[in-house]
Amino acid sequence: MFTNTVSQNTLRAIRFERPEYIPVVFWINPACWHHYRPEVLFDLMAEHRILFPEFSLKSEQLPELAPWEQAGAPYTDAWGCVWETTDDGIAGVVTKHPLADWRALESFTAPGPAKSNGMTKIDWSIIGKEILKAKLEGKHYVGSLEHGHTFQRLSYLRGYENLLFDMTDGDARVWRLIEMVKSFNIGVVKRYLDLGSEMICYPEDLGMQRGPMLSPQHFRTYIKPIYERLMAPAHKAGCLVHMHSDGDIRDLVDDLVVSGVDALNLQDLVNGIDWIEANLKGRVCIDIDIDRQQITRFGNPEQIDKLIREEVEKLGSREGGLMMIYGLYPGIPLENVKAIMDAMERYASYYT
């Protein structure tokens, strides 16, 4: 959920070191550029320089789509999973699982982290130059595993239902697959650390609209040990750990926090603002993912302002421990888009 660099202010917010303002991120999904008129979005960006401090109308270009975001063009990732989407800019879903039949495991070869991040090729020499450039500019580089690095990657390879049955049955072959995925991810993490990354993101979705995608028991047995193994090198190196998950993850939160998470990005209304306040405030930096399903989609600007103010008042403090992000997707009325931007900028300085 981050760009590849963050400011010192963001690090201070995560560490509860009295940041100058609440770090705020407004992310525009690539599909928005053909669902809205680009010039309208550019004008909104130009009007909100706290959210878009480096924006310039003269230099802005439409984002290039990732291969798995291109409609009508199936894409095979480094693991052999086939992705398809129906709308340019929206990440696709896996439609072909290379290990749907366990017999394929015997001849299956995992990709190597020296040349891939799992989804596409990666050139670590370029990453090293970007990290050095960030340091020279007084910024802090953020490395990231692929979105869906562990649990979701296992489901991409086997298929979601197959994977849950494997876990329920205690199939020994799932451990072989887990070891393969874990080894790959450790290789990626260590390369970021060796190059000097100051924060690493561990993004994947574990929640549904109600409840997690796997039982807490299965999470603790199969996934939590991998998370701890992946996060331990980062903490040993003094690197911050940022975790993201969409959906209702209330039943998994305690396990996530004790695994070594410094900042947790989770959705507000799905999990409940009051629940987040009662269970997470002060324990971990809350990177709140502002509602995209209810108020910002169907409400009005006044309701949007009220929502964001409530989150700042209940989840924030002068010491820090709060960040905010909004992901814009097609379908949000433009007056609401402006209201979200206005409120995020207005309340970023609430405690200062």
Foldseek 3Di string as FASTA:
>chain_A
DDDFWDAPLVVQQLVLAQRQFFAEEEAEQLLVCVLDPVVLVLVLLVVQCSHVVPDDPVPDDRDDFDQQQDAPRWDQFQQRFTFHDHTRRDGTATPDAQCLPVVSVVVGDHDALCFDLGGYGDHLVVVLVVQVVQVVVNIAGEAERPACQAPNVLCSNRNLVRVQVCLVVVPPVVVVVRVSSLVRLLNNLVSCVVSPHQEYEYHYAQADLPGGSHDLVSCVVRPLVSLLVNCVVCVVSNHAYEYEYEHACVVCVVSVLVSHHSEYEYEDPSPHLVNCLVPPAPSHQYAYEYDDDPCQQPHALVVLLVVLVVSCVRRHDSSHSYHYYYYDDPRGDPNSVSSNSVSCSVRRSVND
